Protein backbone atom coordinates (compact mmCIF):
# COMPACT_ATOMS: atom_id res chain seq x y z
CA MET A 1 0.00 0.00 0.00
CA CYS A 2 2.84 2.29 0.88
CA GLY A 3 4.54 1.49 -2.45
CA LYS A 4 1.41 2.42 -4.42
CA PHE A 5 1.15 5.72 -2.52
CA GLN A 6 4.75 6.56 -3.31
CA LEU A 7 4.17 5.72 -6.99
CA ILE A 8 1.14 8.05 -7.10
CA GLN A 9 3.21 10.82 -5.46
CA LYS A 10 5.96 10.44 -8.09
CA ARG A 11 3.43 10.62 -10.94
CA LEU A 12 1.80 13.72 -9.47
CA PHE A 13 5.20 15.34 -9.04
CA LEU A 14 6.25 14.57 -12.62
CA THR A 15 2.93 15.92 -13.92
CA LEU A 16 3.38 19.13 -11.93
CA VAL A 17 6.92 19.59 -13.29
CA LEU A 18 5.65 19.03 -16.84
CA VAL A 19 2.87 21.61 -16.43
CA LEU A 20 5.24 24.21 -14.97
CA SER A 21 7.72 23.62 -17.79
CA CYS A 22 5.02 24.19 -20.40
CA LEU A 23 3.85 27.37 -18.67
CA ALA A 24 7.40 28.72 -18.70
CA TYR A 25 7.44 28.61 -22.51
CA LEU A 26 4.08 30.30 -22.99
CA PRO A 27 4.28 33.91 -24.28
CA HIS A 28 3.99 36.55 -21.56
CA ALA A 29 1.11 38.94 -22.26
CA SER A 30 0.86 42.39 -20.69
CA ALA A 31 -1.72 45.12 -20.59
CA ASP A 32 0.38 47.17 -22.98
CA ASP A 33 0.48 44.34 -25.53
CA GLU A 34 -3.28 43.75 -25.28
CA ASN A 35 -4.49 47.38 -25.26
CA GLY A 36 -1.98 49.04 -27.56
CA ILE A 37 0.23 48.71 -30.59
CA THR A 38 3.89 47.78 -30.15
CA VAL A 39 6.31 48.40 -33.01
CA ILE A 40 10.05 48.34 -33.61
CA GLY A 41 11.50 51.45 -35.25
CA THR A 42 14.97 51.75 -36.81
CA GLY A 43 17.03 54.77 -37.75
CA VAL A 44 20.42 55.16 -39.43
CA VAL A 45 22.63 58.25 -39.75
CA GLU A 46 25.87 58.26 -41.77
CA ALA A 47 28.88 60.53 -41.33
CA LYS A 48 32.17 60.82 -43.18
CA PRO A 49 35.25 60.09 -41.03
CA SER A 50 37.02 63.21 -39.76
CA VAL A 51 39.98 61.49 -38.06
CA VAL A 52 42.52 58.90 -39.13
CA GLU A 53 44.80 57.13 -36.66
CA LEU A 54 47.96 55.16 -37.34
CA THR A 55 49.70 53.09 -34.68
CA GLY A 56 53.47 53.30 -34.39
CA LEU A 57 55.82 51.32 -32.15
CA VAL A 58 59.15 52.76 -31.02
CA LEU A 59 61.50 49.99 -29.88
CA GLY A 60 64.88 49.77 -28.19
CA GLN A 61 66.56 46.38 -27.66
CA GLY A 62 69.80 45.19 -26.08
CA GLN A 63 71.41 42.49 -23.99
CA LEU A 64 71.73 44.98 -21.13
CA ALA A 65 68.91 47.13 -19.79
CA GLY A 66 71.03 50.27 -20.13
CA ASP A 67 71.67 49.56 -23.82
CA ALA A 68 67.96 48.98 -24.47
CA VAL A 69 67.00 52.26 -22.77
CA THR A 70 69.67 54.21 -24.67
CA LYS A 71 68.53 52.81 -28.01
CA TYR A 72 64.90 53.52 -27.13
CA HIS A 73 65.60 57.17 -26.33
CA GLY A 74 67.52 57.58 -29.58
CA ASN A 75 64.75 55.99 -31.67
CA ARG A 76 62.09 58.00 -29.83
CA ARG A 77 63.88 61.28 -30.55
CA ARG A 78 64.36 60.44 -34.25
CA ALA A 79 60.71 59.43 -34.60
CA GLU A 80 59.41 62.65 -33.06
CA GLU A 81 61.68 64.79 -35.25
CA ALA A 82 60.70 62.85 -38.39
CA PHE A 83 56.96 63.39 -37.86
CA LYS A 84 57.38 67.05 -36.92
CA ASN A 85 59.49 67.70 -40.02
CA LEU A 86 56.58 66.57 -42.19
CA LYS A 87 54.76 69.78 -41.15
CA ILE A 88 51.33 68.24 -41.77
CA PRO A 89 48.54 70.45 -40.35
CA GLY A 90 46.40 68.57 -37.82
CA LEU A 91 48.93 65.77 -37.19
CA VAL A 92 49.32 65.05 -33.47
CA ILE A 93 51.40 62.41 -31.67
CA VAL A 94 49.54 60.80 -28.77
CA GLU A 95 51.61 58.75 -26.29
CA GLU A 96 49.98 55.43 -25.38
CA GLY A 97 52.46 54.31 -22.74
CA MET A 98 55.82 52.55 -22.40
CA SER A 99 56.55 48.91 -21.55
CA LEU A 100 59.64 46.91 -20.60
CA TYR A 101 60.02 43.18 -21.21
CA SER A 102 62.54 40.46 -21.99
CA SER A 103 62.36 38.05 -24.91
CA LEU A 104 64.06 34.78 -25.82
CA ASN A 105 67.06 34.85 -28.11
CA ALA A 106 67.20 32.94 -31.40
CA SER A 107 68.61 29.68 -29.97
CA GLN A 108 66.08 29.68 -27.13
CA MET A 109 63.19 30.22 -29.56
CA GLN A 110 64.41 27.36 -31.78
CA ALA A 111 64.62 25.05 -28.77
CA MET A 112 61.08 25.92 -27.71
CA MET A 113 59.73 25.38 -31.25
CA ARG A 114 61.32 21.92 -31.32
CA GLY A 115 59.84 21.02 -27.93
CA MET A 116 63.25 20.98 -26.26
CA PRO A 117 64.05 22.42 -22.82
CA VAL A 118 64.84 26.13 -22.88
CA ASN A 119 68.14 27.17 -21.31
CA ASN A 120 67.12 30.11 -19.14
CA THR A 121 70.70 30.68 -18.03
CA GLN A 122 71.46 32.23 -21.42
CA SER A 123 71.09 35.96 -21.72
CA GLN A 124 67.69 37.18 -22.91
CA GLN A 125 67.17 40.26 -25.01
CA LEU A 126 65.72 43.22 -23.11
CA SER A 127 63.27 45.55 -24.86
CA VAL A 128 61.84 48.98 -24.15
CA SER A 129 58.86 49.92 -26.33
CA GLU A 130 56.35 52.73 -26.58
CA THR A 131 53.14 52.84 -28.61
CA LEU A 132 52.36 56.09 -30.40
CA LYS A 133 49.07 57.11 -31.97
CA LEU A 134 49.61 59.30 -35.04
CA ARG A 135 46.33 61.17 -35.15
CA LEU A 136 45.34 63.36 -38.10
CA THR A 137 42.13 65.43 -37.98
CA GLY A 138 40.19 67.22 -40.71
CA ILE A 139 40.28 64.35 -43.22
CA ASP A 140 36.57 64.81 -44.00
CA LYS A 141 37.62 67.82 -46.09
CA MET A 142 40.14 65.77 -48.10
CA SER A 143 39.72 63.62 -51.17
CA SER A 144 40.82 59.98 -51.13
CA GLU A 145 43.89 60.84 -53.21
CA GLU A 146 44.97 63.66 -50.90
CA LEU A 147 44.53 61.53 -47.79
CA LEU A 148 46.39 58.57 -49.32
CA GLU A 149 49.34 60.81 -50.19
CA ILE A 150 49.55 62.13 -46.62
CA ILE A 151 49.31 58.64 -45.09
CA VAL A 152 52.12 57.43 -47.36
CA ARG A 153 54.32 60.32 -46.19
CA ILE A 154 53.64 59.49 -42.54
CA VAL A 155 54.33 55.76 -43.02
CA ASP A 156 57.55 56.34 -44.96
CA ALA A 157 58.82 58.90 -42.43
CA GLY A 158 58.08 56.49 -39.60
CA LYS A 159 59.86 53.57 -41.24
CA ASP A 160 62.91 55.74 -42.02
CA ALA A 161 63.03 56.65 -38.31
CA GLY A 162 62.74 53.01 -37.24
CA VAL A 163 59.08 53.17 -36.18
CA ILE A 164 57.01 50.02 -36.74
CA ILE A 165 53.77 51.25 -38.32
CA GLY A 166 50.56 49.20 -38.06
CA ASN A 167 49.00 46.74 -35.63
CA ASP A 168 51.04 44.10 -33.84
CA THR A 169 51.44 41.01 -36.04
CA THR A 170 53.73 39.13 -33.66
CA PRO A 171 52.23 35.68 -32.84
CA MET A 172 51.49 34.88 -29.22
CA VAL A 173 53.56 31.68 -29.57
CA PRO A 174 56.74 31.91 -31.68
CA GLY A 175 56.55 29.89 -34.89
CA THR A 176 52.74 29.69 -34.93
CA TYR A 177 50.28 31.24 -37.39
CA ASN A 178 47.46 33.45 -36.17
CA ALA A 179 44.91 34.29 -38.88
CA SER A 180 43.61 37.29 -36.92
CA LYS A 181 47.09 38.86 -37.08
CA ALA A 182 47.89 37.94 -40.66
CA ARG A 183 46.60 41.25 -42.00
CA ASN A 184 48.42 44.40 -40.91
CA THR A 185 45.81 47.17 -40.75
CA MET A 186 47.65 50.45 -41.26
CA ALA A 187 44.96 53.01 -40.42
CA ALA A 188 41.68 53.41 -38.55
CA PHE A 189 39.17 56.01 -39.78
CA LYS A 190 36.94 57.54 -37.12
CA ILE A 191 33.88 59.73 -36.77
CA GLN A 192 33.50 62.04 -33.79
CA ASN A 193 30.52 63.23 -31.72
CA VAL A 194 28.92 59.79 -31.86
CA GLU A 195 26.40 60.66 -29.16
CA VAL A 196 25.03 63.53 -31.28
CA LEU A 197 24.72 61.20 -34.28
CA LYS A 198 23.13 58.53 -32.09
CA ASN A 199 20.45 60.99 -30.96
CA LYS A 200 19.69 61.82 -34.61
CA ALA A 201 19.41 58.09 -35.33
CA TYR A 202 16.99 57.72 -32.39
CA ALA A 203 14.87 60.56 -33.79
CA LYS A 204 14.66 58.73 -37.13
CA ALA A 205 13.83 55.47 -35.34
CA LEU A 206 10.94 57.17 -33.50
CA GLU A 207 9.62 58.58 -36.79
CA ASP A 208 9.79 55.11 -38.31
CA ALA A 209 7.99 53.58 -35.31
CA ARG A 210 5.19 56.16 -35.40
CA ALA A 211 4.66 55.69 -39.15
CA GLN A 212 4.31 51.93 -38.64
CA ALA A 213 1.94 52.35 -35.69
CA GLU A 214 -0.29 54.86 -37.55
CA THR A 215 -0.61 52.44 -40.46
CA LEU A 216 -1.57 49.56 -38.17
CA ALA A 217 -4.04 51.68 -36.21
CA LYS A 218 -5.70 52.83 -39.43
CA LEU A 219 -5.99 49.28 -40.72
CA ALA A 220 -7.51 48.24 -37.38
CA GLY A 221 -10.10 51.00 -37.59
CA GLY A 222 -8.76 52.93 -34.62
CA LYS A 223 -6.81 56.08 -33.89
CA LEU A 224 -3.26 56.18 -32.59
CA GLY A 225 -2.94 57.53 -29.06
CA LYS A 226 -0.09 58.61 -26.82
CA VAL A 227 3.13 56.70 -26.18
CA VAL A 228 2.69 54.16 -23.40
CA ALA A 229 6.23 52.79 -23.27
CA ILE A 230 9.51 53.26 -25.11
CA ASN A 231 12.79 51.36 -24.85
CA ALA A 232 16.14 51.31 -26.60
CA VAL A 233 16.86 47.94 -28.22
CA ASP A 234 20.16 46.31 -29.08
CA PRO A 235 20.05 45.65 -32.87
CA ASN A 236 21.80 42.31 -32.30
CA GLN A 237 19.43 41.19 -29.53
CA LYS A 238 16.85 38.75 -30.92
CA SER A 239 15.74 37.03 -27.73
CA SER A 240 12.23 37.74 -26.46
CA ASP A 241 13.17 36.93 -22.86
CA SER A 242 12.38 39.89 -20.62
CA SER A 243 15.63 39.66 -18.66
CA SER A 244 17.59 39.63 -21.91
CA ARG A 245 15.67 42.68 -23.14
CA VAL A 246 16.41 44.57 -19.92
CA LEU A 247 20.12 43.71 -20.20
CA ALA A 248 20.18 44.78 -23.86
CA GLN A 249 18.51 48.09 -23.01
CA TYR A 250 20.97 48.73 -20.19
CA MET A 251 23.97 47.93 -22.41
CA ALA A 252 22.61 50.16 -25.16
CA VAL A 253 22.33 53.12 -22.80
CA LEU A 254 25.72 52.35 -21.22
CA GLY A 255 27.37 52.08 -24.64
CA MET A 256 25.88 55.39 -25.72
CA ARG A 257 27.29 57.12 -22.63
CA VAL A 258 30.74 55.65 -22.12
CA GLY A 259 31.45 52.69 -24.39
CA GLN A 260 31.83 54.62 -27.61
CA SER A 261 34.20 57.28 -26.21
CA GLU A 262 32.59 59.83 -28.54
CA GLU A 263 34.22 58.12 -31.55
CA GLN A 264 33.45 55.17 -33.82
CA ALA A 265 36.08 53.55 -36.03
CA SER A 266 36.16 51.77 -39.38
CA ALA A 267 38.91 50.25 -41.51
CA LEU A 268 37.43 51.92 -44.61
CA PHE A 269 37.56 55.57 -45.63
CA LYS A 270 33.86 55.92 -46.32
CA ALA A 271 30.70 57.11 -44.57
CA ILE A 272 30.27 55.25 -41.26
CA PRO A 273 26.69 54.37 -40.23
CA VAL A 274 25.36 54.97 -36.71
CA SER A 275 22.16 53.04 -36.05
CA ALA A 276 19.48 53.05 -33.37
CA VAL A 277 16.53 50.75 -32.66
CA VAL A 278 13.57 51.53 -30.39
CA ARG A 279 10.59 49.51 -29.17
CA VAL A 280 7.55 51.75 -28.77
CA THR A 281 4.07 50.94 -27.46
CA TYR A 282 1.21 53.31 -28.43
CA ALA A 283 -2.28 53.42 -27.00
CA ILE A 284 -5.30 53.06 -29.32
CA GLU A 285 -8.17 55.54 -29.03
């Protein structure tokens, strides 16, 4: 008798779990969804890049720390003089910070690539490096040919002064191939005042949302009322889960305030789009 009772309890428990699981996947309805019209509006604003940035690396190497520092200072001085002598209006050198590190010599690297023990008693090469951002403003007033000529002058001057121009293509593990570092991107083109452009994109998104809602209200035989709710939406967020929507809205607002740093970059010298997506609920009168 006790066994039958336990069997009935297990069946009831499994049935309850099944019912709760089914309820969890049912769509969540709200008063706004039932009594209004909810639409998704999109807006896009394009702007021509006004800034180009090139990354340069000044390096000093030696078996002794003093030699590495001396070579670094000499290379740093030559690099600064070379860029200043170009006399390009709007060209600014931004210091990104200096680093010191030691690296394996050729025989140690070969031993590691062959899977052999590395002799750490051998002297390692010491390096002092500094990353420089070569920032040129006002490129939105230049043609592609004019900008290309200026970039070539900057790159050639940097190479003559011993500056490594472009992103770091050194593999994390010596002797290995990294596809993400196979292409050396020389320049990044940027637009400024992203928050202003984002606000314009939001205005277009609201216009698009209202146009959609007016059409739906007219087809339904009603009249569009006031805005009941409005939220920013991440364009890449496709989940309908409420917690995911809240997180997407928070990240969208956070990105608009601090994540974009007032600039947005592209590898192409062409108009850069700034997009915005809003979810708006209107009442029906």
